[in-house]
Structures are given as structure tokens and as C-alpha cells.
PDB file of N, CA and C in Angstrom:
ATOM      1  N   MET A   1      -2.737  -0.911 -17.125  1.00  0.00           N
ATOM      2  CA  MET A   1      -2.672  -2.131 -16.348  1.00  0.00           C
ATOM      3  C   MET A   1      -4.089  -2.508 -15.939  1.00  0.00           C
ATOM      4  N   ALA A   2      -4.355  -3.773 -15.893  1.00  0.00           N
ATOM      5  CA  ALA A   2      -5.685  -4.257 -15.535  1.00  0.00           C
ATOM      6  C   ALA A   2      -5.976  -4.006 -14.063  1.00  0.00           C
ATOM      7  N   ARG A   3      -7.245  -3.771 -13.780  1.00  0.00           N
ATOM      8  CA  ARG A   3      -7.668  -3.579 -12.399  1.00  0.00           C
ATOM      9  C   ARG A   3      -7.547  -4.903 -11.652  1.00  0.00           C
ATOM     10  N   ALA A   4      -7.261  -4.806 -10.386  1.00  0.00           N
ATOM     11  CA  ALA A   4      -7.089  -6.010  -9.575  1.00  0.00           C
ATOM     12  C   ALA A   4      -7.976  -5.930  -8.350  1.00  0.00           C
ATOM     13  N   GLU A   5      -8.743  -6.985  -8.091  1.00  0.00           N
ATOM     14  CA  GLU A   5      -9.569  -7.028  -6.884  1.00  0.00           C
ATOM     15  C   GLU A   5      -8.765  -7.577  -5.717  1.00  0.00           C
ATOM     16  N   HIS A   6      -7.759  -8.361  -5.999  1.00  0.00           N
ATOM     17  CA  HIS A   6      -6.855  -8.874  -4.971  1.00  0.00           C
ATOM     18  C   HIS A   6      -5.478  -8.996  -5.614  1.00  0.00           C
ATOM     19  N   VAL A   7      -4.484  -8.561  -4.900  1.00  0.00           N
ATOM     20  CA  VAL A   7      -3.123  -8.620  -5.419  1.00  0.00           C
ATOM     21  C   VAL A   7      -2.225  -9.147  -4.313  1.00  0.00           C
ATOM     22  N   ASP A   8      -1.272  -9.976  -4.692  1.00  0.00           N
ATOM     23  CA  ASP A   8      -0.389 -10.512  -3.652  1.00  0.00           C
ATOM     24  C   ASP A   8       0.684  -9.486  -3.290  1.00  0.00           C
ATOM     25  N   SER A   9       1.367  -9.754  -2.226  1.00  0.00           N
ATOM     26  CA  SER A   9       2.309  -8.787  -1.673  1.00  0.00           C
ATOM     27  C   SER A   9       3.453  -8.456  -2.632  1.00  0.00           C
ATOM     28  N   ALA A  10       3.990  -9.455  -3.315  1.00  0.00           N
ATOM     29  CA  ALA A  10       5.100  -9.192  -4.240  1.00  0.00           C
ATOM     30  C   ALA A  10       4.631  -8.338  -5.413  1.00  0.00           C
ATOM     31  N   ALA A  11       3.458  -8.637  -5.936  1.00  0.00           N
ATOM     32  CA  ALA A  11       2.924  -7.848  -7.048  1.00  0.00           C
ATOM     33  C   ALA A  11       2.628  -6.424  -6.599  1.00  0.00           C
ATOM     34  N   LEU A  12       2.089  -6.264  -5.404  1.00  0.00           N
ATOM     35  CA  LEU A  12       1.794  -4.931  -4.904  1.00  0.00           C
ATOM     36  C   LEU A  12       3.077  -4.143  -4.683  1.00  0.00           C
ATOM     37  N   ALA A  13       4.107  -4.784  -4.182  1.00  0.00           N
ATOM     38  CA  ALA A  13       5.391  -4.111  -3.990  1.00  0.00           C
ATOM     39  C   ALA A  13       5.930  -3.604  -5.326  1.00  0.00           C
ATOM     40  N   ARG A  14       5.762  -4.388  -6.389  1.00  0.00           N
ATOM     41  CA  ARG A  14       6.204  -3.950  -7.717  1.00  0.00           C
ATOM     42  C   ARG A  14       5.353  -2.785  -8.215  1.00  0.00           C
ATOM     43  N   LEU A  15       4.052  -2.848  -7.985  1.00  0.00           N
ATOM     44  CA  LEU A  15       3.156  -1.769  -8.415  1.00  0.00           C
ATOM     45  C   LEU A  15       3.459  -0.458  -7.700  1.00  0.00           C
ATOM     46  N   ILE A  16       3.798  -0.548  -6.424  1.00  0.00           N
ATOM     47  CA  ILE A  16       4.070   0.649  -5.639  1.00  0.00           C
ATOM     48  C   ILE A  16       5.327   1.354  -6.131  1.00  0.00           C
ATOM     49  N   GLY A  17       6.337   0.587  -6.480  1.00  0.00           N
ATOM     50  CA  GLY A  17       7.562   1.181  -7.007  1.00  0.00           C
ATOM     51  C   GLY A  17       8.313   2.012  -5.987  1.00  0.00           C
ATOM     52  N   GLY A  18       8.809   3.167  -6.411  1.00  0.00           N
ATOM     53  CA  GLY A  18       9.624   4.033  -5.561  1.00  0.00           C
ATOM     54  C   GLY A  18       8.774   4.938  -4.681  1.00  0.00           C
ATOM     55  N   TRP A  19       8.268   4.417  -3.609  1.00  0.00           N
ATOM     56  CA  TRP A  19       7.340   5.139  -2.743  1.00  0.00           C
ATOM     57  C   TRP A  19       8.020   5.848  -1.588  1.00  0.00           C
ATOM     58  N   ARG A  20       9.239   5.477  -1.281  1.00  0.00           N
ATOM     59  CA  ARG A  20       9.929   6.063  -0.125  1.00  0.00           C
ATOM     60  C   ARG A  20      10.496   7.426  -0.471  1.00  0.00           C
ATOM     61  N   THR A  21      10.291   8.380   0.434  1.00  0.00           N
ATOM     62  CA  THR A  21      10.907   9.694   0.297  1.00  0.00           C
ATOM     63  C   THR A  21      11.536  10.069   1.631  1.00  0.00           C
ATOM     64  N   GLU A  22      12.577  10.870   1.566  1.00  0.00           N
ATOM     65  CA  GLU A  22      13.311  11.215   2.783  1.00  0.00           C
ATOM     66  C   GLU A  22      12.513  12.091   3.731  1.00  0.00           C
ATOM     67  N   ASP A  23      11.634  12.934   3.205  1.00  0.00           N
ATOM     68  CA  ASP A  23      10.965  13.918   4.046  1.00  0.00           C
ATOM     69  C   ASP A  23       9.573  13.509   4.515  1.00  0.00           C
ATOM     70  N   VAL A  24       9.137  12.301   4.179  1.00  0.00           N
ATOM     71  CA  VAL A  24       7.805  11.828   4.568  1.00  0.00           C
ATOM     72  C   VAL A  24       7.962  10.531   5.371  1.00  0.00           C
ATOM     73  N   PRO A  25       7.318  10.438   6.541  1.00  0.00           N
ATOM     74  CA  PRO A  25       7.392   9.196   7.316  1.00  0.00           C
ATOM     75  C   PRO A  25       6.915   8.000   6.475  1.00  0.00           C
ATOM     76  N   LEU A  26       7.544   6.857   6.668  1.00  0.00           N
ATOM     77  CA  LEU A  26       7.238   5.675   5.868  1.00  0.00           C
ATOM     78  C   LEU A  26       5.751   5.309   5.836  1.00  0.00           C
ATOM     79  N   PRO A  27       5.052   5.271   6.981  1.00  0.00           N
ATOM     80  CA  PRO A  27       3.633   4.894   6.909  1.00  0.00           C
ATOM     81  C   PRO A  27       2.817   5.847   6.032  1.00  0.00           C
ATOM     82  N   HIS A  28       3.104   7.139   6.134  1.00  0.00           N
ATOM     83  CA  HIS A  28       2.370   8.129   5.335  1.00  0.00           C
ATOM     84  C   HIS A  28       2.696   7.964   3.845  1.00  0.00           C
ATOM     85  N   ALA A  29       3.971   7.766   3.536  1.00  0.00           N
ATOM     86  CA  ALA A  29       4.378   7.582   2.142  1.00  0.00           C
ATOM     87  C   ALA A  29       3.748   6.326   1.543  1.00  0.00           C
ATOM     88  N   LEU A  30       3.682   5.260   2.332  1.00  0.00           N
ATOM     89  CA  LEU A  30       3.073   4.027   1.852  1.00  0.00           C
ATOM     90  C   LEU A  30       1.572   4.216   1.644  1.00  0.00           C
ATOM     91  N   ALA A  31       0.906   4.888   2.574  1.00  0.00           N
ATOM     92  CA  ALA A  31      -0.522   5.173   2.411  1.00  0.00           C
ATOM     93  C   ALA A  31      -0.759   6.009   1.163  1.00  0.00           C
ATOM     94  N   ASP A  32       0.108   6.997   0.920  1.00  0.00           N
ATOM     95  CA  ASP A  32      -0.016   7.824  -0.287  1.00  0.00           C
ATOM     96  C   ASP A  32       0.120   6.979  -1.545  1.00  0.00           C
ATOM     97  N   ALA A  33       1.104   6.077  -1.554  1.00  0.00           N
ATOM     98  CA  ALA A  33       1.329   5.226  -2.724  1.00  0.00           C
ATOM     99  C   ALA A  33       0.130   4.316  -2.981  1.00  0.00           C
ATOM    100  N   LEU A  34      -0.417   3.746  -1.923  1.00  0.00           N
ATOM    101  CA  LEU A  34      -1.602   2.892  -2.080  1.00  0.00           C
ATOM    102  C   LEU A  34      -2.796   3.708  -2.564  1.00  0.00           C
ATOM    103  N   ALA A  35      -2.960   4.907  -2.021  1.00  0.00           N
ATOM    104  CA  ALA A  35      -4.067   5.775  -2.438  1.00  0.00           C
ATOM    105  C   ALA A  35      -3.944   6.139  -3.918  1.00  0.00           C
ATOM    106  N   GLU A  36      -2.728   6.353  -4.390  1.00  0.00           N
ATOM    107  CA  GLU A  36      -2.519   6.653  -5.808  1.00  0.00           C
ATOM    108  C   GLU A  36      -2.922   5.468  -6.683  1.00  0.00           C
ATOM    109  N   LEU A  37      -2.618   4.255  -6.249  1.00  0.00           N
ATOM    110  CA  LEU A  37      -3.010   3.074  -7.018  1.00  0.00           C
ATOM    111  C   LEU A  37      -4.530   2.936  -7.068  1.00  0.00           C
ATOM    112  N   ILE A  38      -5.184   3.285  -5.969  1.00  0.00           N
ATOM    113  CA  ILE A  38      -6.647   3.223  -5.926  1.00  0.00           C
ATOM    114  C   ILE A  38      -7.236   4.325  -6.817  1.00  0.00           C
ATOM    115  N   ALA A  39      -6.704   5.538  -6.698  1.00  0.00           N
ATOM    116  CA  ALA A  39      -7.204   6.663  -7.507  1.00  0.00           C
ATOM    117  C   ALA A  39      -7.009   6.407  -8.995  1.00  0.00           C
ATOM    118  N   GLY A  40      -5.937   5.716  -9.337  1.00  0.00           N
ATOM    119  CA  GLY A  40      -5.651   5.387 -10.732  1.00  0.00           C
ATOM    120  C   GLY A  40      -6.355   4.137 -11.226  1.00  0.00           C
ATOM    121  N   ASN A  41      -7.210   3.566 -10.387  1.00  0.00           N
ATOM    122  CA  ASN A  41      -7.961   2.354 -10.722  1.00  0.00           C
ATOM    123  C   ASN A  41      -7.078   1.145 -11.014  1.00  0.00           C
ATOM    124  N   VAL A  42      -5.848   1.183 -10.500  1.00  0.00           N
ATOM    125  CA  VAL A  42      -4.992   0.000 -10.585  1.00  0.00           C
ATOM    126  C   VAL A  42      -5.458  -1.002  -9.536  1.00  0.00           C
ATOM    127  N   LEU A  43      -5.805  -0.485  -8.358  1.00  0.00           N
ATOM    128  CA  LEU A  43      -6.430  -1.287  -7.301  1.00  0.00           C
ATOM    129  C   LEU A  43      -7.871  -0.826  -7.166  1.00  0.00           C
ATOM    130  N   VAL A  44      -8.761  -1.752  -7.029  1.00  0.00           N
ATOM    131  CA  VAL A  44     -10.163  -1.429  -6.839  1.00  0.00           C
ATOM    132  C   VAL A  44     -10.359  -0.931  -5.416  1.00  0.00           C
ATOM    133  N   ASP A  45     -11.107   0.155  -5.256  1.00  0.00           N
ATOM    134  CA  ASP A  45     -11.411   0.666  -3.925  1.00  0.00           C
ATOM    135  C   ASP A  45     -12.104  -0.442  -3.140  1.00  0.00           C
ATOM    136  N   GLY A  46     -11.587  -0.760  -1.987  1.00  0.00           N
ATOM    137  CA  GLY A  46     -12.130  -1.847  -1.175  1.00  0.00           C
ATOM    138  C   GLY A  46     -11.505  -3.200  -1.469  1.00  0.00           C
ATOM    139  N   ALA A  47     -10.492  -3.234  -2.327  1.00  0.00           N
ATOM    140  CA  ALA A  47      -9.822  -4.502  -2.653  1.00  0.00           C
ATOM    141  C   ALA A  47      -9.174  -5.096  -1.407  1.00  0.00           C
ATOM    142  N   ALA A  48      -9.030  -6.403  -1.402  1.00  0.00           N
ATOM    143  CA  ALA A  48      -8.364  -7.104  -0.302  1.00  0.00           C
ATOM    144  C   ALA A  48      -6.852  -6.911  -0.447  1.00  0.00           C
ATOM    145  N   LEU A  49      -6.302  -6.106   0.449  1.00  0.00           N
ATOM    146  CA  LEU A  49      -4.863  -5.890   0.442  1.00  0.00           C
ATOM    147  C   LEU A  49      -4.172  -7.068   1.103  1.00  0.00           C
ATOM    148  N   PRO A  50      -2.889  -7.268   0.809  1.00  0.00           N
ATOM    149  CA  PRO A  50      -2.162  -8.390   1.400  1.00  0.00           C
ATOM    150  C   PRO A  50      -2.079  -8.254   2.920  1.00  0.00           C
ATOM    151  N   PRO A  51      -1.874  -9.377   3.611  1.00  0.00           N
ATOM    152  CA  PRO A  51      -1.650  -9.312   5.060  1.00  0.00           C
ATOM    153  C   PRO A  51      -0.456  -8.401   5.363  1.00  0.00           C
ATOM    154  N   GLN A  52      -0.521  -7.760   6.514  1.00  0.00           N
ATOM    155  CA  GLN A  52       0.520  -6.804   6.899  1.00  0.00           C
ATOM    156  C   GLN A  52       1.912  -7.418   6.872  1.00  0.00           C
ATOM    157  N   ARG A  53       2.064  -8.580   7.444  1.00  0.00           N
ATOM    158  CA  ARG A  53       3.400  -9.202   7.505  1.00  0.00           C
ATOM    159  C   ARG A  53       3.946  -9.510   6.119  1.00  0.00           C
ATOM    160  N   ALA A  54       3.090  -9.978   5.225  1.00  0.00           N
ATOM    161  CA  ALA A  54       3.537 -10.322   3.875  1.00  0.00           C
ATOM    162  C   ALA A  54       3.978  -9.077   3.108  1.00  0.00           C
ATOM    163  N   LEU A  55       3.191  -7.999   3.188  1.00  0.00           N
ATOM    164  CA  LEU A  55       3.571  -6.781   2.484  1.00  0.00           C
ATOM    165  C   LEU A  55       4.819  -6.169   3.115  1.00  0.00           C
ATOM    166  N   ALA A  56       4.911  -6.214   4.427  1.00  0.00           N
ATOM    167  CA  ALA A  56       6.102  -5.698   5.100  1.00  0.00           C
ATOM    168  C   ALA A  56       7.358  -6.422   4.618  1.00  0.00           C
ATOM    169  N   ALA A  57       7.281  -7.737   4.513  1.00  0.00           N
ATOM    170  CA  ALA A  57       8.429  -8.510   4.040  1.00  0.00           C
ATOM    171  C   ALA A  57       8.766  -8.157   2.592  1.00  0.00           C
ATOM    172  N   ALA A  58       7.747  -8.002   1.757  1.00  0.00           N
ATOM    173  CA  ALA A  58       7.974  -7.683   0.346  1.00  0.00           C
ATOM    174  C   ALA A  58       8.594  -6.295   0.172  1.00  0.00           C
ATOM    175  N   LEU A  59       8.243  -5.361   1.062  1.00  0.00           N
ATOM    176  CA  LEU A  59       8.760  -3.995   0.963  1.00  0.00           C
ATOM    177  C   LEU A  59      10.018  -3.758   1.788  1.00  0.00           C
ATOM    178  N   GLY A  60      10.350  -4.693   2.669  1.00  0.00           N
ATOM    179  CA  GLY A  60      11.528  -4.534   3.522  1.00  0.00           C
ATOM    180  C   GLY A  60      11.333  -3.507   4.623  1.00  0.00           C
ATOM    181  N   VAL A  61      10.111  -3.469   5.172  1.00  0.00           N
ATOM    182  CA  VAL A  61       9.794  -2.557   6.275  1.00  0.00           C
ATOM    183  C   VAL A  61       9.193  -3.366   7.419  1.00  0.00           C
ATOM    184  N   SER A  62       8.938  -2.701   8.536  1.00  0.00           N
ATOM    185  CA  SER A  62       8.328  -3.398   9.666  1.00  0.00           C
ATOM    186  C   SER A  62       6.827  -3.579   9.443  1.00  0.00           C
ATOM    187  N   ARG A  63       6.265  -4.554  10.140  1.00  0.00           N
ATOM    188  CA  ARG A  63       4.824  -4.766  10.065  1.00  0.00           C
ATOM    189  C   ARG A  63       4.093  -3.539  10.585  1.00  0.00           C
ATOM    190  N   GLY A  64       4.664  -2.878  11.574  1.00  0.00           N
ATOM    191  CA  GLY A  64       4.063  -1.672  12.126  1.00  0.00           C
ATOM    192  C   GLY A  64       3.913  -0.561  11.097  1.00  0.00           C
ATOM    193  N   THR A  65       4.886  -0.446  10.202  1.00  0.00           N
ATOM    194  CA  THR A  65       4.799   0.549   9.129  1.00  0.00           C
ATOM    195  C   THR A  65       3.587   0.268   8.250  1.00  0.00           C
ATOM    196  N   VAL A  66       3.406  -0.988   7.885  1.00  0.00           N
ATOM    197  CA  VAL A  66       2.264  -1.362   7.038  1.00  0.00           C
ATOM    198  C   VAL A  66       0.963  -1.190   7.807  1.00  0.00           C
ATOM    199  N   ALA A  67       0.953  -1.578   9.076  1.00  0.00           N
ATOM    200  CA  ALA A  67      -0.256  -1.430   9.889  1.00  0.00           C
ATOM    201  C   ALA A  67      -0.666   0.036   9.967  1.00  0.00           C
ATOM    202  N   GLU A  68       0.292   0.926  10.189  1.00  0.00           N
ATOM    203  CA  GLU A  68      -0.015   2.364  10.249  1.00  0.00           C
ATOM    204  C   GLU A  68      -0.513   2.876   8.901  1.00  0.00           C
ATOM    205  N   ALA A  69       0.110   2.424   7.826  1.00  0.00           N
ATOM    206  CA  ALA A  69      -0.316   2.849   6.487  1.00  0.00           C
ATOM    207  C   ALA A  69      -1.730   2.385   6.188  1.00  0.00           C
ATOM    208  N   TYR A  70      -2.041   1.131   6.519  1.00  0.00           N
ATOM    209  CA  TYR A  70      -3.390   0.616   6.299  1.00  0.00           C
ATOM    210  C   TYR A  70      -4.407   1.402   7.135  1.00  0.00           C
ATOM    211  N   ALA A  71      -4.064   1.709   8.386  1.00  0.00           N
ATOM    212  CA  ALA A  71      -4.961   2.469   9.246  1.00  0.00           C
ATOM    213  C   ALA A  71      -5.192   3.870   8.686  1.00  0.00           C
ATOM    214  N   GLU A  72      -4.142   4.495   8.209  1.00  0.00           N
ATOM    215  CA  GLU A  72      -4.276   5.829   7.626  1.00  0.00           C
ATOM    216  C   GLU A  72      -5.140   5.783   6.374  1.00  0.00           C
ATOM    217  N   LEU A  73      -4.930   4.783   5.550  1.00  0.00           N
ATOM    218  CA  LEU A  73      -5.709   4.650   4.328  1.00  0.00           C
ATOM    219  C   LEU A  73      -7.185   4.446   4.655  1.00  0.00           C
ATOM    220  N   THR A  74      -7.465   3.650   5.673  1.00  0.00           N
ATOM    221  CA  THR A  74      -8.843   3.421   6.102  1.00  0.00           C
ATOM    222  C   THR A  74      -9.459   4.709   6.635  1.00  0.00           C
ATOM    223  N   ALA A  75      -8.695   5.464   7.415  1.00  0.00           N
ATOM    224  CA  ALA A  75      -9.189   6.728   7.962  1.00  0.00           C
ATOM    225  C   ALA A  75      -9.490   7.747   6.872  1.00  0.00           C
ATOM    226  N   ARG A  76      -8.679   7.776   5.838  1.00  0.00           N
ATOM    227  CA  ARG A  76      -8.904   8.694   4.725  1.00  0.00           C
ATOM    228  C   ARG A  76     -10.218   8.372   4.018  1.00  0.00           C
ATOM    229  N   ASP A  77     -10.514   7.095   3.941  1.00  0.00           N
ATOM    230  CA  ASP A  77     -11.719   6.642   3.232  1.00  0.00           C
ATOM    231  C   ASP A  77     -12.978   6.958   4.022  1.00  0.00           C
ATOM    232  N   GLY A  78     -12.823   7.062   5.329  1.00  0.00           N
ATOM    233  CA  GLY A  78     -13.882   7.130   6.255  1.00  0.00           C
ATOM    234  C   GLY A  78     -14.826   8.212   6.340  1.00  0.00           C
TER     235      GLY A  78
END
């Protein structure tokens, strides 16, 4: 798949695929899924991710889940 510098929320939701697991909190699982896309060069490190509300709607989760995942992903990079 081609690298993307910016991806919309619906496309990112499709790229993430089956990211939910029963034994991992949603924010952590989402951060892991995003990190895998970055490690696989599907998403460029530092790419503009979709707004929290848009990705939350596309994934069917709360905005808080996405906010926590984004914060965790940023902390990992740090």
C-alpha cells in the first residue's frame, strides 16, 4: 500500500482493521494499531492524523478513547 502523509478518518478506520481485543483497553489497542501502521510505513511518522471526533465516529468509539490513544502514541514517540 502506498505511504500516506494524510489520511481521512474513514480510510484510517479501514487501514486499522480488527484492532479491538478483549484483554487490552481500547486506547492502548488503538495506539498499538496506529503504531503498527507507522512501523510498516503505511502511515508516515509525523503524518497528520484525523481529528479525534472524526476518527472516533469512524471507529464507533468515544472521542476520549481516540484522545488517549493519540496521547499514548505521542508519548511513545517522545
